């Protein structure tokens, strides 16, 4: 296994508009992030992933870019960005930016030219098609709309968008467009950033001919199409290979075998990826399925390629609400999930607020939500005749706004996020759950994250160790070993609100005499129970033993 700094790193995702507002306008900003870099560093973080800060009309919270070279006024200025980057580096951390090159904003100058006439030189920088006699060119659905096509009266054709109609897709078949993208990437890398998180990067290549889908609601036809690997290999050759950076691709609809084509050591494409077999396909906790997913990705990647580990981000609701227990066992389950993410094979990601156990939220009206995907789906379902309350209730659990509420810094007004009116309501539980309170407690979730991350920096077995599931058939216990150079760690997790008994595998029976507790999320003064071969795990208990 080749070693690399980005494999050993722990990444902290900053959704800046909800992180800290320094100027009182109710929106987080770069200045606010600069004020909290010491906080991030104190957690043990190596890399900060910054969500899009480019000029944007903000229809999709910055993922609709109008100018790749300018900073959004809400976020700050280019001078502030350079100051931020310098401070990140001074603290010994790195910074990666979002790269959004599947689509732009409809307000981007390229699209304004493209839509101006059918013979404009940039017409083919986007995807335009004539419609069928009865409507759009095909029956495809987008992520955010009932159709991937929007009719433009100016030229009498439809343009293609994988997301909202305000986010037209770029046409990667055009060499001139690709070179312009590569020029932009070099611009940011030459500023000194340390890599890219690449938004839906596997959607760049479109299915030839745009045929009707047999099952249009299953939108996997949007990604992993022929030509995608040629594009990424060209991107690597033209740009990425010339810098010592980290690249992570957001790659939906991908299997482990296909995932390896993006990140295999000899593929010359990307370093690592986010797959969504958990976040997209597992709406609630399913331990059996989760074990299967981890096993299949490990087996595919064990000799080459590198995975990422996460359970929440700006698009997926808070992990302690979705996959843990955000009530009676909030603290225990937050630590248990952290133990799992930081000890499974791959680079772990921490989404802001996760380190204090922030929870999802339930707003009482659709008007209080900002998530464009949720609001469009709500409108679509109401149009079918469903009751508004029923639709709202069904969409609340997985709304992206669950993870986008402002960071809870303290118990003061608006959780210390802003002195103005926050762009989104703060979660009402901020007086109980906040950074100030966590930092003051010795056994806090934050302190536990610090310990886990510190262990990763000093024990290579957490990063490079072989992985083996040791809990086949267990319905509530997930136990697995990591082994490297004669050192073996056994991780045991009770994923339930009841006590569970776990019988150690026979292969470990003769290795428990000198078992040493590395870390646990509950007080446990002795390892005698391990020596007896059976361990009683309390609700949401997490243990790591060195054997």
Protein backbone atom coordinates (compact mmCIF):
# COMPACT_ATOMS: atom_id res chain seq x y z
CA UNK A 1 0.00 0.00 0.00
CA UNK A 2 1.50 3.30 -1.09
CA UNK A 3 1.48 5.87 1.69
CA UNK A 4 0.43 9.49 1.10
CA UNK A 5 -0.37 12.54 3.22
CA UNK A 6 -3.96 12.69 2.02
CA UNK A 7 -4.56 9.10 3.12
CA UNK A 8 -3.44 9.94 6.65
CA UNK A 9 -5.36 13.23 6.84
CA UNK A 10 -8.60 14.01 8.66
CA UNK A 11 -10.77 16.46 6.71
CA UNK A 12 -13.11 19.06 8.24
CA UNK A 13 -15.90 20.33 5.99
CA UNK A 14 -16.78 24.01 6.37
CA UNK A 15 -20.20 25.00 5.05
CA UNK A 16 -19.15 28.61 5.44
CA UNK A 17 -22.52 30.34 5.19
CA UNK A 18 -23.57 28.51 8.36
CA UNK A 19 -20.22 28.53 10.17
CA UNK A 20 -19.69 32.01 11.67
CA UNK A 21 -20.88 35.45 10.60
CA UNK A 22 -18.26 38.14 11.30
CA UNK A 23 -19.96 41.16 9.74
CA UNK A 24 -23.48 40.85 11.16
CA UNK A 25 -25.37 40.30 7.90
CA UNK A 26 -26.68 36.92 9.09
CA UNK A 27 -24.55 34.88 6.69
CA UNK A 28 -21.32 33.11 7.55
CA UNK A 29 -18.22 34.39 5.79
CA UNK A 30 -14.49 33.94 5.25
CA UNK A 31 -13.68 36.34 8.07
CA UNK A 32 -15.75 34.20 10.42
CA UNK A 33 -13.87 31.10 9.33
CA UNK A 34 -10.56 32.85 9.96
CA UNK A 35 -11.68 33.61 13.52
CA UNK A 36 -12.22 29.89 14.17
CA UNK A 37 -9.15 28.34 12.55
CA UNK A 38 -7.57 27.76 15.95
CA UNK A 39 -10.72 25.88 16.98
CA UNK A 40 -10.48 23.63 13.92
CA UNK A 41 -6.76 23.10 14.47
CA UNK A 42 -7.36 22.17 18.12
CA UNK A 43 -9.53 19.28 16.96
CA UNK A 44 -6.50 17.84 15.17
CA UNK A 45 -7.69 18.55 11.64
CA UNK A 46 -5.27 18.34 8.70
CA UNK A 47 -7.40 19.53 5.78
CA UNK A 48 -10.29 21.99 5.51
CA UNK A 49 -12.78 21.44 2.68
CA UNK A 50 -14.44 24.76 1.86
CA UNK A 51 -17.81 24.72 0.12
CA UNK A 52 -18.15 26.99 -2.97
CA UNK A 53 -17.29 30.66 -2.45
CA UNK A 54 -17.40 31.70 -6.11
CA UNK A 55 -19.66 34.45 -7.50
CA UNK A 56 -23.19 33.02 -7.61
CA UNK A 57 -26.84 34.08 -7.59
CA UNK A 58 -27.19 31.45 -4.86
CA UNK A 59 -30.11 29.47 -6.25
CA UNK A 60 -28.37 26.32 -4.95
CA UNK A 61 -26.21 27.80 -2.19
CA UNK A 62 -23.20 28.48 -4.36
CA UNK A 63 -23.33 25.37 -6.55
CA UNK A 64 -24.63 27.60 -9.35
CA UNK A 65 -21.51 29.53 -10.32
CA UNK A 66 -21.71 32.75 -12.33
CA UNK A 67 -17.98 33.55 -12.29
CA UNK A 68 -15.24 31.05 -11.41
CA UNK A 69 -12.68 33.79 -10.79
CA UNK A 70 -14.57 36.04 -8.36
CA UNK A 71 -15.52 35.55 -4.70
CA UNK A 72 -19.18 35.82 -3.76
CA UNK A 73 -19.79 39.09 -1.89
CA UNK A 74 -21.62 37.18 0.85
CA UNK A 75 -18.44 35.22 1.54
CA UNK A 76 -15.95 38.09 1.34
CA UNK A 77 -13.19 39.23 -0.97
CA UNK A 78 -10.26 37.70 -2.80
CA UNK A 79 -7.94 39.47 -0.39
CA UNK A 80 -9.72 37.79 2.54
CA UNK A 81 -9.46 34.44 0.80
CA UNK A 82 -5.70 34.87 0.40
CA UNK A 83 -5.42 35.81 4.08
CA UNK A 84 -7.44 32.73 4.99
CA UNK A 85 -5.24 30.47 2.89
CA UNK A 86 -2.08 31.92 4.44
CA UNK A 87 -3.44 31.41 7.97
CA UNK A 88 -4.50 27.84 7.22
CA UNK A 89 -0.98 27.08 6.02
CA UNK A 90 0.63 28.88 8.96
CA UNK A 91 -1.30 26.55 11.27
CA UNK A 92 0.02 23.52 9.41
CA UNK A 93 -3.28 22.67 7.75
CA UNK A 94 -4.28 22.46 4.10
CA UNK A 95 -7.33 23.75 2.23
CA UNK A 96 -9.25 22.18 -0.62
CA UNK A 97 -11.97 23.93 -2.60
CA UNK A 98 -15.12 22.73 -4.29
CA UNK A 99 -14.74 22.29 -8.05
CA UNK A 100 -18.14 22.58 -9.77
CA UNK A 101 -17.66 21.95 -13.48
CA UNK A 102 -20.63 19.81 -14.48
CA UNK A 103 -22.79 22.94 -14.68
CA UNK A 104 -22.78 26.68 -14.15
CA UNK A 105 -25.37 29.28 -13.24
CA UNK A 106 -27.71 30.43 -15.99
CA UNK A 107 -26.25 33.86 -15.19
CA UNK A 108 -22.72 32.82 -16.19
CA UNK A 109 -21.46 34.86 -19.14
CA UNK A 110 -20.86 31.65 -21.09
CA UNK A 111 -24.51 30.64 -20.85
CA UNK A 112 -25.77 34.11 -21.60
CA UNK A 113 -23.78 33.94 -24.83
CA UNK A 114 -24.85 30.36 -25.50
CA UNK A 115 -28.56 31.11 -25.25
CA UNK A 116 -28.35 34.35 -27.28
CA UNK A 117 -28.50 32.61 -30.67
CA UNK A 118 -28.14 29.20 -32.29
CA UNK A 119 -24.99 30.30 -34.11
CA UNK A 120 -23.19 31.91 -31.17
CA UNK A 121 -19.61 30.54 -30.82
CA UNK A 122 -20.45 29.35 -27.30
CA UNK A 123 -23.77 27.74 -28.26
CA UNK A 124 -22.25 24.25 -27.98
CA UNK A 125 -20.58 24.96 -24.64
CA UNK A 126 -23.93 23.83 -23.24
CA UNK A 127 -26.34 21.12 -24.37
CA UNK A 128 -29.20 22.25 -26.60
CA UNK A 129 -31.74 20.02 -28.33
CA UNK A 130 -34.99 20.47 -30.25
CA UNK A 131 -37.98 19.01 -28.49
CA UNK A 132 -40.30 16.22 -29.53
CA UNK A 133 -43.71 17.22 -30.92
CA UNK A 134 -45.25 16.65 -27.50
CA UNK A 135 -42.52 18.07 -25.25
CA UNK A 136 -38.88 17.73 -24.14
CA UNK A 137 -36.22 15.73 -26.03
CA UNK A 138 -36.50 12.77 -23.63
CA UNK A 139 -38.15 11.62 -20.41
CA UNK A 140 -35.20 12.04 -18.05
CA UNK A 141 -35.66 13.44 -14.55
CA UNK A 142 -33.16 15.81 -12.96
CA UNK A 143 -32.07 15.77 -9.34
CA UNK A 144 -34.18 18.84 -8.54
CA UNK A 145 -36.86 18.96 -11.26
CA UNK A 146 -39.34 16.62 -13.00
CA UNK A 147 -37.34 17.06 -16.23
CA UNK A 148 -33.71 17.62 -17.21
CA UNK A 149 -34.90 19.97 -19.96
CA UNK A 150 -36.10 23.57 -19.95
CA UNK A 151 -37.52 25.27 -23.03
CA UNK A 152 -35.94 28.57 -24.05
CA UNK A 153 -38.22 30.73 -26.17
CA UNK A 154 -35.39 32.85 -27.58
CA UNK A 155 -34.10 30.08 -29.80
CA UNK A 156 -36.94 27.57 -29.64
CA UNK A 157 -34.82 24.79 -28.15
CA UNK A 158 -34.41 23.02 -24.82
CA UNK A 159 -31.27 23.17 -22.67
CA UNK A 160 -30.14 20.34 -20.42
CA UNK A 161 -29.71 20.54 -16.63
CA UNK A 162 -28.96 17.65 -14.27
CA UNK A 163 -30.07 19.84 -11.36
CA UNK A 164 -32.23 22.99 -11.21
CA UNK A 165 -33.20 24.86 -14.36
CA UNK A 166 -30.94 27.67 -13.14
CA UNK A 167 -27.97 25.25 -13.42
CA UNK A 168 -27.41 24.37 -17.10
CA UNK A 169 -24.94 21.55 -17.76
CA UNK A 170 -21.70 22.24 -19.59
CA UNK A 171 -20.93 20.30 -22.76
CA UNK A 172 -17.66 18.52 -22.05
CA UNK A 173 -17.43 17.30 -25.64
CA UNK A 174 -16.15 20.76 -26.61
CA UNK A 175 -12.33 20.92 -26.36
CA UNK A 176 -12.43 24.72 -26.01
CA UNK A 177 -14.69 24.41 -22.98
CA UNK A 178 -12.42 21.82 -21.36
CA UNK A 179 -9.34 23.98 -21.84
CA UNK A 180 -11.14 26.93 -20.25
CA UNK A 181 -11.97 24.75 -17.24
CA UNK A 182 -8.36 23.60 -16.94
CA UNK A 183 -7.17 27.23 -17.08
CA UNK A 184 -9.50 28.04 -14.20
CA UNK A 185 -8.27 25.07 -12.16
CA UNK A 186 -4.66 26.18 -12.64
CA UNK A 187 -5.60 29.67 -11.47
CA UNK A 188 -6.79 28.39 -8.09
CA UNK A 189 -4.00 25.87 -7.67
CA UNK A 190 -1.48 28.60 -8.40
CA UNK A 191 -3.02 30.60 -5.55
CA UNK A 192 -1.72 27.79 -3.33
CA UNK A 193 -4.81 25.72 -2.55
CA UNK A 194 -4.16 22.07 -1.75
CA UNK A 195 -6.69 20.32 -3.95
CA UNK A 196 -10.29 19.95 -5.00
CA UNK A 197 -13.42 18.23 -3.86
CA UNK A 198 -15.04 17.64 -7.25
CA UNK A 199 -18.81 18.08 -7.31
CA UNK A 200 -20.72 15.27 -9.14
CA UNK A 201 -17.64 14.77 -11.27
CA UNK A 202 -18.90 11.54 -12.82
CA UNK A 203 -21.78 13.37 -14.53
CA UNK A 204 -19.57 15.17 -17.07
CA UNK A 205 -20.07 12.60 -19.85
CA UNK A 206 -23.61 12.29 -21.16
CA UNK A 207 -25.29 9.19 -22.57
CA UNK A 208 -24.91 9.32 -26.35
CA UNK A 209 -28.12 10.16 -28.17
CA UNK A 210 -30.02 10.99 -24.96
CA UNK A 211 -32.42 8.01 -25.36
CA UNK A 212 -35.60 7.76 -23.31
CA UNK A 213 -35.10 5.88 -20.03
CA UNK A 214 -37.07 2.71 -19.37
CA UNK A 215 -37.27 3.74 -15.71
CA UNK A 216 -36.92 7.54 -15.64
CA UNK A 217 -37.24 7.83 -11.85
CA UNK A 218 -34.00 5.86 -11.52
CA UNK A 219 -31.67 8.65 -12.57
CA UNK A 220 -28.43 6.67 -12.71
CA UNK A 221 -28.38 7.36 -16.47
CA UNK A 222 -27.00 10.79 -15.54
CA UNK A 223 -23.63 9.42 -14.42
CA UNK A 224 -20.73 7.08 -15.21
CA UNK A 225 -21.27 7.23 -18.95
CA UNK A 226 -18.73 6.35 -21.69
CA UNK A 227 -16.11 9.07 -22.04
CA UNK A 228 -15.94 10.06 -18.37
CA UNK A 229 -12.58 8.40 -17.76
CA UNK A 230 -11.04 10.00 -20.85
CA UNK A 231 -12.11 13.41 -19.52
CA UNK A 232 -10.64 12.78 -16.08
CA UNK A 233 -7.41 11.35 -17.45
CA UNK A 234 -7.05 14.43 -19.63
CA UNK A 235 -7.75 16.64 -16.60
CA UNK A 236 -5.07 14.78 -14.66
CA UNK A 237 -2.56 15.07 -17.49
CA UNK A 238 -3.27 18.74 -18.16
CA UNK A 239 -3.60 19.94 -14.55
CA UNK A 240 -3.68 17.63 -11.55
CA UNK A 241 -0.43 15.70 -11.95
CA UNK A 242 1.57 18.93 -11.86
CA UNK A 243 0.64 19.75 -8.25
CA UNK A 244 1.06 18.00 -4.87
CA UNK A 245 -2.62 18.06 -4.03
CA UNK A 246 -5.57 16.01 -2.83
CA UNK A 247 -8.44 15.21 -5.18
CA UNK A 248 -11.70 13.65 -4.04
CA UNK A 249 -14.54 13.06 -6.46
CA UNK A 250 -18.21 13.09 -5.52
CA UNK A 251 -19.38 10.06 -7.48
CA UNK A 252 -23.01 8.92 -7.13
CA UNK A 253 -24.44 5.76 -8.71
CA UNK A 254 -21.14 3.90 -8.45
CA UNK A 255 -20.26 0.34 -7.45
CA UNK A 256 -16.94 -0.57 -5.83
CA UNK A 257 -15.68 -2.08 -9.08
CA UNK A 258 -16.59 1.03 -11.07
CA UNK A 259 -15.28 3.25 -8.28
CA UNK A 260 -11.84 1.73 -8.68
CA UNK A 261 -11.77 2.99 -12.26
CA UNK A 262 -11.81 6.54 -10.88
CA UNK A 263 -9.20 6.13 -8.12
CA UNK A 264 -7.04 3.11 -8.97
CA UNK A 265 -3.35 3.80 -8.39
CA UNK A 266 -2.48 3.38 -12.06
CA UNK A 267 -5.55 5.07 -13.53
CA UNK A 268 -4.13 8.62 -13.36
CA UNK A 269 -7.50 10.14 -12.55
CA UNK A 270 -8.40 10.97 -8.91
CA UNK A 271 -6.98 10.12 -5.49
CA UNK A 272 -10.17 9.16 -3.71
CA UNK A 273 -13.95 9.43 -3.90
CA UNK A 274 -17.23 9.81 -2.08
CA UNK A 275 -19.67 7.05 -2.94
CA UNK A 276 -23.25 7.18 -1.74
CA UNK A 277 -24.26 3.58 -1.15
CA UNK A 278 -24.81 4.59 2.48
CA UNK A 279 -25.94 8.21 2.36
CA UNK A 280 -28.29 7.85 -0.63
CA UNK A 281 -29.38 4.23 -0.39
CA UNK A 282 -29.69 3.71 3.38
CA UNK A 283 -32.30 6.22 4.66
CA UNK A 284 -32.23 4.72 8.15
CA UNK A 285 -29.68 2.55 9.93
CA UNK A 286 -29.30 -0.97 8.58
CA UNK A 287 -26.26 -2.65 10.17
CA UNK A 288 -26.36 -5.72 7.94
CA UNK A 289 -26.37 -3.55 4.83
CA UNK A 290 -23.68 -1.25 6.22
CA UNK A 291 -21.35 -4.20 6.87
CA UNK A 292 -21.91 -5.46 3.34
CA UNK A 293 -21.09 -2.05 1.90
CA UNK A 294 -17.89 -1.73 3.91
CA UNK A 295 -16.80 -5.25 2.99
CA UNK A 296 -17.40 -4.81 -0.75
CA UNK A 297 -15.54 -1.50 -0.95
CA UNK A 298 -12.62 -2.78 1.10
CA UNK A 299 -12.21 -5.87 -1.06
CA UNK A 300 -12.33 -3.82 -4.25
CA UNK A 301 -9.86 -1.21 -2.97
CA UNK A 302 -7.52 -3.24 -0.75
CA UNK A 303 -4.65 -3.47 -3.24
CA UNK A 304 -5.09 -0.11 -4.97
CA UNK A 305 -7.40 2.84 -4.60
CA UNK A 306 -8.55 4.73 -1.53
CA UNK A 307 -11.97 5.30 0.03
CA UNK A 308 -13.57 8.07 2.10
CA UNK A 309 -15.56 7.60 5.30
CA UNK A 310 -18.47 9.86 6.19
CA UNK A 311 -22.10 9.67 7.30
CA UNK A 312 -23.19 13.30 6.88
CA UNK A 313 -22.33 16.43 4.95
CA UNK A 314 -24.10 19.53 3.57
CA UNK A 315 -26.35 17.30 1.42
CA UNK A 316 -27.16 14.63 4.02
CA UNK A 317 -28.79 15.07 7.39
CA UNK A 318 -26.94 15.00 10.70
CA UNK A 319 -25.56 11.51 11.40
CA UNK A 320 -26.60 11.39 15.06
CA UNK A 321 -30.25 12.03 14.06
CA UNK A 322 -30.28 9.77 11.03
CA UNK A 323 -28.08 6.87 12.07
CA UNK A 324 -27.68 7.27 15.81
CA UNK A 325 -29.98 8.27 18.65
CA UNK A 326 -30.35 12.04 19.08
CA UNK A 327 -32.42 11.70 22.22
CA UNK A 328 -31.43 9.72 25.31
CA UNK A 329 -28.18 8.44 23.76
CA UNK A 330 -27.11 11.46 21.72
CA UNK A 331 -23.67 11.74 23.30
CA UNK A 332 -23.00 7.99 23.33
CA UNK A 333 -24.15 7.44 19.76
CA UNK A 334 -22.27 10.50 18.46
CA UNK A 335 -19.05 9.07 19.92
CA UNK A 336 -19.88 5.58 18.69
CA UNK A 337 -20.40 6.78 15.11
CA UNK A 338 -17.17 8.77 15.31
CA UNK A 339 -15.29 5.65 16.47
CA UNK A 340 -16.58 3.78 13.45
CA UNK A 341 -15.84 6.46 10.85
CA UNK A 342 -12.31 7.05 12.12
CA UNK A 343 -11.34 3.38 12.28
CA UNK A 344 -12.76 2.07 8.99
CA UNK A 345 -10.51 1.99 5.89
CA UNK A 346 -10.32 5.37 4.16
CA UNK A 347 -9.98 9.06 4.89
CA UNK A 348 -12.44 10.29 7.57
CA UNK A 349 -14.47 13.48 7.11
CA UNK A 350 -15.92 15.62 9.89
CA UNK A 351 -18.82 17.89 8.95
CA UNK A 352 -18.96 21.09 11.00
CA UNK A 353 -20.95 20.59 14.20
CA UNK A 354 -20.62 16.82 14.04
CA UNK A 355 -17.84 17.10 16.62
CA UNK A 356 -20.35 18.41 19.21
CA UNK A 357 -23.21 16.12 18.22
CA UNK A 358 -25.42 18.66 16.45
CA UNK A 359 -28.79 17.21 15.44
CA UNK A 360 -31.26 17.53 12.60
CA UNK A 361 -34.16 19.96 12.81
CA UNK A 362 -37.88 20.04 12.06
CA UNK A 363 -39.23 23.38 10.86
CA UNK A 364 -43.00 23.78 11.02
CA UNK A 365 -43.55 25.27 7.55
CA UNK A 366 -42.11 24.76 4.08
CA UNK A 367 -41.52 28.53 4.04
CA UNK A 368 -38.86 28.10 6.70
CA UNK A 369 -36.83 25.77 4.47
CA UNK A 370 -34.22 26.90 1.93
CA UNK A 371 -33.29 23.57 0.29
CA UNK A 372 -34.15 23.97 -3.40
CA UNK A 373 -34.41 20.19 -3.90
CA UNK A 374 -36.89 19.88 -1.02
CA UNK A 375 -38.95 22.91 -2.07
CA UNK A 376 -39.21 21.70 -5.68
CA UNK A 377 -40.22 18.21 -4.53
CA UNK A 378 -42.79 19.70 -2.16
CA UNK A 379 -44.31 21.71 -5.01
CA UNK A 380 -44.35 18.66 -7.28
CA UNK A 381 -46.07 16.44 -4.70
CA UNK A 382 -48.65 19.09 -3.79
CA UNK A 383 -49.40 19.35 -7.51
CA UNK A 384 -50.29 15.65 -7.45
CA UNK A 385 -52.97 16.34 -4.87
CA UNK A 386 -51.20 15.22 -1.69
CA UNK A 387 -51.92 16.99 1.58
CA UNK A 388 -49.34 19.70 2.42
CA UNK A 389 -48.78 18.50 6.00
CA UNK A 390 -48.23 14.94 4.80
CA UNK A 391 -45.72 16.02 2.16
CA UNK A 392 -43.81 18.24 4.61
CA UNK A 393 -43.65 15.44 7.17
CA UNK A 394 -42.33 12.99 4.55
CA UNK A 395 -39.62 15.37 3.33
CA UNK A 396 -38.37 16.66 6.68
CA UNK A 397 -36.15 13.73 7.75
CA UNK A 398 -33.82 13.89 4.73
CA UNK A 399 -34.02 17.60 3.94
CA UNK A 400 -30.58 19.02 3.25
CA UNK A 401 -31.40 21.87 5.66
CA UNK A 402 -31.02 19.42 8.54
CA UNK A 403 -27.26 19.80 8.18
CA UNK A 404 -27.24 23.45 7.12
CA UNK A 405 -28.55 25.15 10.26
CA UNK A 406 -26.04 27.60 11.77
CA UNK A 407 -23.14 26.32 13.83
CA UNK A 408 -23.97 26.34 17.53
CA UNK A 409 -21.11 28.17 19.24
CA UNK A 410 -22.67 29.09 22.59
CA UNK A 411 -25.97 29.68 24.39
CA UNK A 412 -26.27 33.36 23.48
CA UNK A 413 -28.79 34.67 20.96
CA UNK A 414 -28.62 32.84 17.62
CA UNK A 415 -26.12 30.43 19.20
CA UNK A 416 -23.30 32.97 18.78
CA UNK A 417 -23.45 32.49 15.02
CA UNK A 418 -24.42 36.08 14.18
CA UNK A 419 -25.36 39.38 15.73
CA UNK A 420 -27.83 39.89 12.89
CA UNK A 421 -30.74 37.81 11.65
CA UNK A 422 -29.45 34.38 10.63
CA UNK A 423 -30.03 33.39 7.01
CA UNK A 424 -31.53 30.15 8.31
CA UNK A 425 -33.12 29.50 11.69
CA UNK A 426 -30.83 28.12 14.38
CA UNK A 427 -31.76 24.72 15.76
CA UNK A 428 -33.79 25.44 18.94
CA UNK A 429 -31.63 23.04 20.98
CA UNK A 430 -28.56 25.33 20.77
CA UNK A 431 -28.70 26.22 24.47
CA UNK A 432 -28.07 22.57 25.33
CA UNK A 433 -25.82 21.67 22.40
CA UNK A 434 -23.01 24.12 21.64
CA UNK A 435 -19.24 24.40 21.35
CA UNK A 436 -18.75 26.43 24.54
CA UNK A 437 -20.51 23.80 26.61
CA UNK A 438 -18.63 20.94 24.95
CA UNK A 439 -15.24 22.54 25.45
CA UNK A 440 -15.97 22.98 29.14
CA UNK A 441 -16.75 19.27 29.68
CA UNK A 442 -13.94 16.74 30.07
CA UNK A 443 -15.88 13.83 28.61
CA UNK A 444 -17.45 15.77 25.73
CA UNK A 445 -18.00 14.63 22.17
CA UNK A 446 -15.41 17.22 21.07
CA UNK A 447 -12.79 15.79 23.45
CA UNK A 448 -13.52 12.29 22.16
CA UNK A 449 -12.98 13.43 18.55
CA UNK A 450 -9.66 14.97 19.62
CA UNK A 451 -8.58 11.63 21.09
CA UNK A 452 -9.62 9.64 18.03
CA UNK A 453 -7.83 11.99 15.65
CA UNK A 454 -4.70 12.00 17.83
CA UNK A 455 -4.68 8.19 17.78
CA UNK A 456 -4.84 8.22 13.99
CA UNK A 457 -1.73 10.40 13.84
CA UNK A 458 0.29 8.05 16.04
CA UNK A 459 -0.96 4.60 15.03
CA UNK A 460 -0.57 3.66 11.38
CA UNK A 461 -2.79 0.62 11.96
CA UNK A 462 -5.80 2.97 11.99
CA UNK A 463 -4.90 4.18 8.51
CA UNK A 464 -3.23 1.31 6.69
CA UNK A 465 -4.24 -1.78 8.65
CA UNK A 466 -5.97 -4.75 7.02
CA UNK A 467 -9.70 -4.82 7.71
CA UNK A 468 -11.68 -7.90 8.77
CA UNK A 469 -15.31 -8.03 9.87
CA UNK A 470 -15.44 -10.11 13.08
CA UNK A 471 -19.20 -9.90 13.62
CA UNK A 472 -20.87 -11.92 10.87
CA UNK A 473 -24.48 -12.64 11.77
CA UNK A 474 -24.60 -10.09 14.59
CA UNK A 475 -27.68 -7.89 14.25
CA UNK A 476 -26.67 -5.07 16.60
CA UNK A 477 -22.92 -5.44 17.11
CA UNK A 478 -20.35 -4.35 14.56
CA UNK A 479 -16.90 -5.69 15.40
CA UNK A 480 -13.90 -5.62 13.12
CA UNK A 481 -10.13 -5.85 13.31
CA UNK A 482 -7.41 -3.68 11.79
CA UNK A 483 -3.97 -5.29 11.58
CA UNK A 484 -0.59 -3.94 10.51
CA UNK A 485 2.99 -5.09 11.14
CA UNK A 486 2.08 -7.44 13.97
CA UNK A 487 -0.28 -5.00 15.67
CA UNK A 488 -4.00 -5.80 15.80
CA UNK A 489 -6.82 -3.56 16.98
CA UNK A 490 -10.31 -4.86 17.62
CA UNK A 491 -13.13 -2.34 17.30
CA UNK A 492 -16.45 -3.26 18.91
CA UNK A 493 -19.60 -1.19 18.49
CA UNK A 494 -23.06 -1.72 19.92
CA UNK A 495 -25.45 -0.04 17.54
CA UNK A 496 -28.60 -0.26 19.61
CA UNK A 497 -30.25 1.23 22.68
CA UNK A 498 -30.05 -2.09 24.55
CA UNK A 499 -27.17 -3.97 26.12
CA UNK A 500 -25.68 -6.58 23.80
CA UNK A 501 -23.38 -9.56 24.38
CA UNK A 502 -20.58 -10.14 21.94
CA UNK A 503 -18.63 -13.40 21.84
CA UNK A 504 -15.08 -12.90 20.65
CA UNK A 505 -14.10 -15.00 17.62
CA UNK A 506 -12.15 -18.15 18.46
CA UNK A 507 -9.15 -16.82 16.55
CA UNK A 508 -8.80 -14.07 19.16
CA UNK A 509 -9.30 -16.30 22.20
CA UNK A 510 -5.59 -16.85 22.79
CA UNK A 511 -4.71 -13.21 22.20
CA UNK A 512 -6.80 -11.55 24.88
CA UNK A 513 -4.51 -12.10 27.86
CA UNK A 514 -2.68 -8.86 27.24
CA UNK A 515 -5.59 -6.98 25.69
CA UNK A 516 -5.29 -3.25 26.26
CA UNK A 517 -8.15 -0.76 26.04
CA UNK A 518 -7.11 1.99 23.62
CA UNK A 519 -10.26 4.10 23.87
CA UNK A 520 -13.92 3.76 24.73
CA UNK A 521 -16.86 6.13 24.77
CA UNK A 522 -18.05 4.98 28.22
CA UNK A 523 -16.15 4.44 31.47
CA UNK A 524 -14.69 0.95 31.55
CA UNK A 525 -12.02 0.33 34.15
CA UNK A 526 -11.00 -3.22 33.29
CA UNK A 527 -10.60 -5.54 30.31
CA UNK A 528 -11.48 -8.65 32.35
CA UNK A 529 -14.61 -9.21 30.30
CA UNK A 530 -12.51 -9.52 27.18
CA UNK A 531 -10.31 -12.13 28.78
CA UNK A 532 -13.37 -14.21 29.53
CA UNK A 533 -14.16 -14.28 25.85
CA UNK A 534 -17.52 -12.51 26.02
CA UNK A 535 -18.04 -8.80 26.20
CA UNK A 536 -21.19 -7.07 27.40
CA UNK A 537 -21.65 -3.84 25.48
CA UNK A 538 -23.85 -1.11 26.88
CA UNK A 539 -26.20 0.90 24.62
CA UNK A 540 -24.17 2.60 21.87
CA UNK A 541 -20.92 1.60 23.50
CA UNK A 542 -17.76 1.76 21.41
CA UNK A 543 -14.48 0.08 22.34
CA UNK A 544 -11.09 -0.27 20.71
CA UNK A 545 -8.73 -2.89 22.13
CA UNK A 546 -5.16 -3.59 21.17
CA UNK A 547 -4.59 -7.35 21.19
